[in-house]
Protein backbone atom coordinates (compact mmCIF):
# COMPACT_ATOMS: atom_id res chain seq x y z
CA MET A 1 68.92 87.46 68.86
CA PRO A 2 72.56 88.37 68.20
CA VAL A 3 73.98 91.62 69.52
CA TYR A 4 75.64 94.00 67.06
CA GLU A 5 77.99 96.90 67.51
CA TYR A 6 77.61 99.58 64.87
CA LYS A 7 79.00 102.91 63.70
CA GLY A 8 77.15 105.37 61.56
CA LEU A 9 76.34 108.95 60.69
CA ASP A 10 73.20 110.81 61.63
CA LYS A 11 71.46 113.40 59.44
CA SER A 12 73.81 116.13 60.63
CA GLY A 13 76.89 114.05 59.81
CA LYS A 14 77.76 113.33 63.44
CA THR A 15 79.38 109.96 64.17
CA ILE A 16 77.11 107.61 66.09
CA LYS A 17 78.22 104.42 67.89
CA GLY A 18 76.02 101.97 69.69
CA ILE A 19 74.91 98.44 70.46
CA LEU A 20 71.66 96.86 69.27
CA ASP A 21 70.24 93.40 68.90
CA ALA A 22 68.55 92.26 65.67
CA GLU A 23 67.85 89.07 63.77
CA ASN A 24 70.69 89.80 61.30
CA LYS A 25 72.76 92.65 59.87
CA GLY A 26 70.13 93.47 57.26
CA ALA A 27 67.45 93.84 59.93
CA LEU A 28 69.81 96.01 61.98
CA GLN A 29 70.43 98.34 59.03
CA GLN A 30 66.70 98.68 58.44
CA ILE A 31 66.12 99.61 62.10
CA LEU A 32 68.90 102.20 62.00
CA GLN A 33 67.72 103.66 58.67
CA LYS A 34 64.30 104.26 60.22
CA ARG A 35 66.12 106.18 62.96
CA GLY A 36 67.89 108.30 60.37
CA ILE A 37 71.31 106.68 60.83
CA PHE A 38 73.53 105.78 57.85
CA VAL A 39 75.52 102.67 58.86
CA THR A 40 79.25 102.73 58.08
CA ASP A 41 80.42 99.73 60.10
CA VAL A 42 78.65 96.86 61.83
CA HIS A 43 79.81 93.60 63.37
CA GLU A 44 78.49 91.08 65.83
CA GLY A 45 79.55 91.81 69.40
CA LYS A 46 80.40 89.37 72.15
CA GLY A 47 79.07 89.68 75.67
CA GLY A 48 81.64 91.23 77.97
CA SER A 49 84.18 91.80 75.20
CA THR A 50 85.69 95.22 74.69
CA ALA A 51 87.34 94.44 71.42
CA ASN A 52 86.26 96.21 68.27
CA LYS A 53 87.89 94.49 65.31
CA GLY A 54 91.31 95.06 66.81
CA GLU A 55 90.68 98.77 67.22
CA PHE A 56 91.66 100.16 70.61
CA ASP A 57 89.36 102.84 71.97
CA LEU A 58 90.98 104.47 75.00
CA ALA A 59 87.82 106.24 76.18
CA ARG A 60 85.85 103.01 75.97
CA SER A 61 88.54 100.94 77.67
CA LEU A 62 88.55 103.33 80.64
CA GLN A 63 84.79 102.91 81.21
CA PHE A 64 85.13 100.34 83.97
CA VAL A 65 81.96 98.85 85.39
CA THR A 66 82.08 99.62 89.11
CA LEU A 67 80.29 98.16 92.10
CA ARG A 68 78.14 101.29 92.17
CA ASP A 69 77.03 100.62 88.57
CA ILE A 70 75.97 97.10 89.53
CA SER A 71 74.17 98.39 92.62
CA VAL A 72 72.22 101.01 90.65
CA LEU A 73 71.41 98.44 87.96
CA THR A 74 70.12 95.98 90.58
CA ARG A 75 67.86 98.56 92.22
CA GLN A 76 66.46 99.67 88.86
CA LEU A 77 65.73 96.08 87.84
CA SER A 78 64.00 95.47 91.17
CA THR A 79 61.86 98.58 90.68
CA LEU A 80 60.86 97.59 87.15
CA LEU A 81 59.92 94.05 88.17
CA ARG A 82 57.93 95.32 91.17
CA ALA A 83 56.00 97.56 88.77
CA GLY A 84 54.91 94.46 86.86
CA ILE A 85 57.12 94.91 83.79
CA PRO A 86 58.24 91.57 82.30
CA LEU A 87 61.88 90.59 82.78
CA VAL A 88 62.90 90.82 79.10
CA GLU A 89 61.32 94.27 78.74
CA SER A 90 63.02 95.40 81.96
CA LEU A 91 66.39 94.23 80.66
CA SER A 92 65.72 96.02 77.35
CA ALA A 93 65.02 99.27 79.20
CA LEU A 94 68.18 98.93 81.28
CA THR A 95 70.23 98.13 78.16
CA GLU A 96 69.05 101.24 76.36
CA GLN A 97 69.75 103.58 79.26
CA ALA A 98 73.16 102.09 80.21
CA GLU A 99 75.82 104.75 79.64
CA LYS A 100 78.91 102.52 79.65
CA ASP A 101 79.47 100.39 76.55
CA GLU A 102 80.81 97.48 78.60
CA LEU A 103 77.68 97.37 80.75
CA LYS A 104 75.46 97.81 77.69
CA ARG A 105 77.12 94.81 76.02
CA VAL A 106 76.70 92.65 79.11
CA LEU A 107 73.04 93.58 79.55
CA ALA A 108 72.33 92.98 75.87
CA ASP A 109 73.88 89.52 76.10
CA VAL A 110 71.95 88.72 79.30
CA ARG A 111 68.70 89.85 77.66
CA ARG A 112 69.42 87.70 74.60
CA GLN A 113 70.00 84.61 76.74
CA VAL A 114 66.86 85.22 78.82
CA ASN A 115 64.84 85.78 75.63
CA GLU A 116 66.09 82.42 74.36
CA GLY A 117 64.81 80.63 77.46
CA SER A 118 67.73 80.84 79.90
CA SER A 119 67.15 81.82 83.51
CA LEU A 120 68.41 85.21 84.66
CA ALA A 121 70.83 83.57 87.10
CA ASN A 122 72.41 81.40 84.39
CA ALA A 123 72.68 84.38 82.04
CA LEU A 124 74.36 86.50 84.72
CA GLY A 125 76.64 83.55 85.55
CA GLN A 126 78.22 83.92 82.10
CA HIS A 127 79.62 87.31 83.20
CA THR A 128 81.46 86.50 86.43
CA LYS A 129 83.65 89.58 85.96
CA HIS A 130 80.68 91.74 86.94
CA PHE A 131 78.32 89.36 88.77
CA ASN A 132 80.03 87.22 91.37
CA HIS A 133 79.02 83.86 92.84
CA LEU A 134 77.06 85.53 95.64
CA TYR A 135 75.07 87.70 93.23
CA VAL A 136 74.20 84.81 90.92
CA ASN A 137 73.12 82.51 93.75
CA MET A 138 70.86 85.14 95.29
CA VAL A 139 69.21 85.76 91.92
CA LYS A 140 68.77 82.01 91.52
CA ALA A 141 67.10 81.83 94.93
CA GLY A 142 64.83 84.74 94.00
CA GLU A 143 63.77 83.07 90.78
CA SER A 144 63.12 79.78 92.57
CA SER A 145 60.97 81.40 95.27
CA GLY A 146 59.15 83.76 92.90
CA ASN A 147 60.35 86.82 94.86
CA LEU A 148 63.02 88.07 92.47
CA ASP A 149 62.16 91.75 92.99
CA VAL A 150 62.44 91.38 96.79
CA VAL A 151 65.74 89.50 96.54
CA LEU A 152 67.13 92.14 94.18
CA GLU A 153 66.16 94.84 96.68
CA ARG A 154 68.01 92.98 99.46
CA LEU A 155 70.95 92.48 97.15
CA THR A 156 71.01 96.22 96.45
CA GLU A 157 71.14 96.98 100.17
CA PHE A 158 73.96 94.47 100.57
CA LEU A 159 75.96 96.06 97.74
CA GLU A 160 75.38 99.55 99.15
CA ASN A 161 76.63 98.43 102.57
CA GLN A 162 79.71 96.98 100.90
CA MET A 163 80.35 100.28 99.09
CA GLU A 164 79.84 102.26 102.28
CA LEU A 165 82.36 100.16 104.21
CA ARG A 166 84.88 100.30 101.37
CA SER A 167 84.44 104.07 101.11
CA LYS A 168 85.03 104.55 104.84
CA VAL A 169 88.23 102.49 104.79
CA THR A 170 89.48 104.28 101.67
CA SER A 171 88.66 107.74 103.03
CA ALA A 172 90.39 106.93 106.31
CA MET A 173 93.59 105.96 104.49
CA ILE A 174 93.79 108.89 102.06
CA TYR A 175 95.18 111.48 104.49
CA PRO A 176 97.80 109.20 106.10
CA LEU A 177 98.99 108.05 102.68
CA LEU A 178 99.16 111.66 101.47
CA MET A 179 101.14 112.66 104.54
CA THR A 180 103.52 109.74 104.01
CA VAL A 181 104.10 110.66 100.37
CA VAL A 182 104.65 114.34 101.18
CA GLY A 183 106.97 113.54 104.09
CA THR A 184 109.00 111.11 102.00
CA GLY A 185 109.24 113.69 99.23
CA ILE A 186 110.49 116.38 101.63
CA LEU A 187 113.11 114.09 103.15
CA GLY A 188 114.17 112.93 99.70
CA PHE A 189 114.62 116.53 98.57
CA LEU A 190 116.69 117.37 101.67
CA PHE A 191 118.95 114.34 101.20
CA ALA A 192 119.34 114.87 97.46
CA PHE A 193 119.92 118.65 97.24
CA VAL A 194 120.24 120.40 100.61
CA ILE A 195 122.30 118.10 102.84
CA PRO A 196 125.12 117.37 100.32
CA LYS A 197 125.82 121.11 99.84
CA VAL A 198 125.73 121.91 103.54
CA THR A 199 127.75 118.92 104.72
CA ALA A 200 130.41 119.52 102.07
CA ILE A 201 131.60 122.38 104.28
CA PHE A 202 132.08 120.06 107.27
CA GLN A 203 133.88 117.34 105.33
CA ASP A 204 136.70 119.77 104.53
CA GLN A 205 137.35 120.37 108.21
CA ASP A 206 140.14 118.40 109.89
CA ARG A 207 138.23 117.98 113.10
CA ALA A 208 135.91 115.39 114.56
CA LEU A 209 132.27 116.00 113.83
CA PRO A 210 129.49 115.51 116.40
CA LEU A 211 127.81 112.10 116.42
CA PRO A 212 124.46 113.36 115.01
CA THR A 213 126.33 114.94 112.09
CA GLN A 214 128.28 111.73 111.45
CA ILE A 215 125.04 109.75 111.44
CA LEU A 216 123.50 112.26 109.00
CA LEU A 217 126.52 112.07 106.69
CA PHE A 218 126.43 108.27 106.80
CA MET A 219 122.73 108.23 105.95
CA ASN A 220 123.32 110.68 103.13
CA ASP A 221 126.11 108.54 101.67
CA VAL A 222 123.97 105.41 101.91
CA PHE A 223 120.84 106.85 100.34
CA ILE A 224 122.46 109.04 97.71
CA GLY A 225 125.38 106.80 96.85
CA GLY A 226 123.49 103.51 96.95
CA TRP A 227 119.95 104.41 95.78
CA PHE A 228 120.41 102.35 92.61
CA ILE A 229 120.92 99.27 94.84
CA ILE A 230 118.46 100.12 97.63
CA LEU A 231 115.52 100.99 95.36
CA PRO A 232 115.62 97.79 93.24
CA THR A 233 116.12 95.75 96.44
CA ILE A 234 113.01 97.30 98.01
CA ILE A 235 110.97 96.75 94.85
CA LEU A 236 112.19 93.16 94.46
CA GLY A 237 111.58 92.44 98.13
CA ALA A 238 108.05 93.86 97.96
CA TRP A 239 107.31 91.81 94.84
CA ALA A 240 108.66 88.61 96.43
CA PHE A 241 106.74 89.20 99.64
CA ASN A 242 103.51 89.93 97.79
CA ARG A 243 103.93 86.77 95.72
CA TRP A 244 104.57 84.69 98.85
CA ARG A 245 101.60 86.33 100.61
CA LYS A 246 99.27 85.20 97.79
CA SER A 247 100.75 81.71 97.39
CA GLU A 248 99.06 78.55 98.71
CA LYS A 249 101.68 78.15 101.46
CA GLY A 250 102.14 81.81 102.32
CA LYS A 251 98.54 83.05 102.44
CA PRO A 252 97.41 80.85 105.39
CA LYS A 253 100.50 81.80 107.40
CA TRP A 254 100.13 85.50 106.64
CA ASP A 255 96.40 85.52 107.40
CA ARG A 256 96.97 83.74 110.72
CA PHE A 257 99.67 86.29 111.55
CA LEU A 258 97.31 89.21 110.79
CA LEU A 259 94.75 87.80 113.21
CA LYS A 260 97.36 88.02 116.00
CA VAL A 261 98.72 91.52 115.34
CA PRO A 262 97.50 94.02 117.95
CA VAL A 263 95.05 96.69 116.69
CA VAL A 264 95.17 95.40 113.10
CA SER A 265 93.73 92.00 114.04
CA GLY A 266 90.73 93.63 115.71
CA VAL A 267 89.74 95.62 112.64
CA ILE A 268 90.30 92.69 110.26
CA ARG A 269 88.25 90.37 112.45
CA MET A 270 85.41 92.88 112.84
CA ILE A 271 85.20 93.51 109.09
CA ALA A 272 85.18 89.77 108.39
CA ILE A 273 82.49 89.08 111.03
CA ALA A 274 80.29 91.93 109.76
CA ARG A 275 80.66 90.64 106.20
CA PHE A 276 79.96 87.06 107.32
CA ALA A 277 76.85 87.99 109.30
CA ARG A 278 75.32 90.31 106.72
CA THR A 279 75.99 87.99 103.78
CA LEU A 280 74.73 84.86 105.55
CA GLY A 281 71.63 86.69 106.79
CA THR A 282 70.90 88.07 103.32
CA LEU A 283 71.31 84.67 101.68
CA LEU A 284 69.12 82.87 104.23
CA SER A 285 66.37 85.48 104.04
CA SER A 286 66.49 85.17 100.24
CA GLY A 287 65.79 81.45 100.41
CA VAL A 288 69.28 80.05 99.84
CA PRO A 289 69.78 76.74 101.76
CA LEU A 290 72.08 76.97 104.79
CA LEU A 291 74.84 74.70 103.44
CA SER A 292 74.90 76.53 100.11
CA ALA A 293 74.91 79.87 101.93
CA LEU A 294 77.91 78.84 104.04
CA GLU A 295 79.75 77.71 100.89
CA ILE A 296 79.18 81.15 99.34
CA VAL A 297 80.02 83.08 102.51
CA LYS A 298 83.38 81.42 103.06
CA ASN A 299 84.61 82.66 99.67
CA ILE A 300 84.07 86.35 100.47
CA LEU A 301 85.81 86.58 103.86
CA GLY A 302 89.27 87.17 102.40
CA ASN A 303 91.14 85.48 105.26
CA ALA A 304 92.39 81.89 104.86
CA ARG A 305 92.06 81.08 108.58
CA LEU A 306 88.45 82.27 108.76
CA ILE A 307 87.69 80.39 105.55
CA GLU A 308 88.94 77.22 107.25
CA VAL A 309 86.65 77.92 110.20
CA ILE A 310 83.56 78.35 108.00
CA GLU A 311 84.41 75.15 106.11
CA GLU A 312 84.61 73.30 109.43
CA VAL A 313 81.27 74.82 110.41
CA ARG A 314 79.76 73.68 107.12
CA VAL A 315 80.97 70.12 107.68
CA ASN A 316 79.61 70.08 111.24
CA VAL A 317 76.26 71.55 110.18
CA ARG A 318 75.95 68.83 107.53
CA GLU A 319 76.39 66.31 110.33
CA GLY A 320 73.56 67.89 112.31
CA GLU A 321 75.37 70.35 114.59
CA ALA A 322 74.18 73.91 115.18
CA ILE A 323 76.14 76.81 113.63
CA ALA A 324 77.05 78.50 116.91
CA VAL A 325 78.83 75.46 118.41
CA PRO A 326 81.69 75.05 115.87
CA LEU A 327 82.01 78.84 115.59
CA LYS A 328 82.59 79.06 119.35
CA ARG A 329 84.94 76.06 119.29
CA SER A 330 87.16 77.70 116.66
CA GLY A 331 88.06 80.56 119.00
CA GLU A 332 88.05 83.02 116.09
CA PHE A 333 84.55 84.43 116.72
CA PRO A 334 83.86 86.47 119.87
CA PRO A 335 81.53 84.93 122.49
CA LEU A 336 78.95 87.68 121.95
CA VAL A 337 78.62 86.72 118.27
CA THR A 338 78.27 83.00 118.90
CA HIS A 339 75.80 83.68 121.73
CA MET A 340 73.57 85.83 119.51
CA ILE A 341 73.71 83.26 116.71
CA ALA A 342 72.78 80.49 119.18
CA ILE A 343 69.78 82.52 120.37
CA GLY A 344 68.75 83.14 116.77
CA GLU A 345 68.88 79.41 116.02
CA ARG A 346 66.82 78.52 119.11
CA THR A 347 64.15 81.16 118.45
CA GLY A 348 63.99 80.73 114.68
CA GLN A 349 65.19 84.32 114.15
CA LEU A 350 68.68 83.60 112.85
CA GLU A 351 68.43 86.11 109.96
CA GLU A 352 67.45 88.95 112.33
CA MET A 353 70.24 88.08 114.77
CA LEU A 354 72.80 87.99 111.97
CA GLU A 355 71.62 91.41 110.80
CA ASN A 356 72.01 92.74 114.37
CA VAL A 357 75.54 91.33 114.51
CA ALA A 358 76.39 92.97 111.18
CA VAL A 359 75.04 96.36 112.26
CA SER A 360 76.86 96.20 115.60
CA TYR A 361 80.21 95.25 114.10
CA ASN A 362 79.94 97.78 111.29
CA GLN A 363 79.52 100.46 113.94
CA GLN A 364 82.56 99.13 115.81
CA VAL A 365 84.58 99.13 112.59
CA ASP A 366 83.63 102.77 112.04
CA MET A 367 84.76 103.70 115.55
CA ARG A 368 88.02 101.75 115.25
CA ILE A 369 88.86 103.31 111.90
CA GLN A 370 88.04 106.79 113.17
CA ALA A 371 90.15 106.25 116.29
CA ALA A 372 93.06 104.84 114.29
CA THR A 373 92.92 107.75 111.83
CA THR A 374 92.73 110.28 114.64
CA LEU A 375 95.80 108.72 116.27
CA LEU A 376 97.73 108.19 113.04
CA GLU A 377 97.60 111.80 111.87
CA PRO A 378 99.47 113.32 114.86
CA LEU A 379 101.92 110.38 114.86
CA LEU A 380 102.82 111.10 111.23
CA ILE A 381 103.20 114.82 111.96
CA VAL A 382 105.38 114.11 115.00
CA GLY A 383 107.46 111.64 112.97
CA MET A 384 108.05 114.20 110.23
CA GLY A 385 108.85 116.85 112.81
CA ILE A 386 111.41 114.62 114.56
CA SER A 387 113.07 113.76 111.23
CA VAL A 388 113.38 117.39 110.15
CA ALA A 389 114.47 118.47 113.64
CA PHE A 390 117.23 115.81 113.63
CA ILE A 391 118.50 117.05 110.26
CA VAL A 392 118.52 120.68 111.40
CA PHE A 393 120.18 119.76 114.70
CA ALA A 394 122.85 117.65 112.93
CA ILE A 395 123.65 120.55 110.61
CA MET A 396 123.57 123.32 113.20
CA LEU A 397 125.56 121.51 115.92
CA PRO A 398 128.98 121.63 114.17
CA ILE A 399 128.31 125.24 113.14
CA LEU A 400 127.74 126.20 116.76
CA GLU A 401 130.88 124.33 117.82
CA MET A 402 132.90 126.16 115.14
CA ASN A 403 131.58 129.53 116.38
CA GLN A 404 132.46 128.65 119.97
CA ALA A 405 135.95 127.61 118.93
CA ALA A 406 136.42 130.87 116.99
CA MET A 407 135.40 132.87 120.07
């Protein structure tokens, strides 16, 4: 059935907006009249669209569907299916309780397609903005094996692990970024308002200034006098670099470089390995064939070099080779990882070994991030202290020399 977006007034005169599916507009109006709603506007909606006859609704446009929304939705659907509720009825229940209009529209469209005979995976595949290739393929595997509720539960755990890792990285970066912004603001204020007034006294003197003061005056002239050149240059340079970094030629070079940078390379590699192991283990335990699972996994690593490695592994596995051998040959995966994967292949417990790898490397990522944050905070404080101390020293030094000369 088509999905309609409507506006109306309830018995108290309050404006009501919502989404409902019905055979046609007449049937929709009858349903709403029984609910005591007088319809003022109704039109057929489109799955995933946020448009409303050209009308822009700021509150609605800001209701982004987040990864947490998808995770909660997946767990609720798994619970409903495990309770024996049919898929269409489960989707209807989720549609009615969805708070965000965007998610409500998507669920209503998915329910319509499923009700018309489409599989859940194909219906979700029409909304790639919210359900990625990994999600759709796991649902397809669940439908094929008849264990959709179990697969959805595993998918929920996978999404929650993703959110947890993302939250840890974000939380670790908030304080350093805040310190950087505050420090830059303080230095900018000193250079813009304090230093020019103080140094104006020294510039009128017909005597040589100390070297630190000369450096400070030079920096002040550069930043204050040439900000209109420096700022656009920095912005243009950042834009050009970011464009090169995302280009077909630049991304492989940049990703290879990141894997060689001390400290940074370790964290990037650990995050990628944890994501690889958990995703591959989840897909295999959900019934996805190995070659298909490797094809899905390579697209979520985020590093061009590691993507090349997984593609080489996929080719070698197709030719009959074990997974651990090409992984070890690439030199990008630590020996411990390849050894555990090899044991898992020999014992028939590959999924469990991959889960162990994911847990181990997630713990290492946590420790690395915590250590980096602990080290970064005092470094930023020391850096700010040195900068302010240099400014004070450069200002006070000529004053002290003038006092000594007067004595």
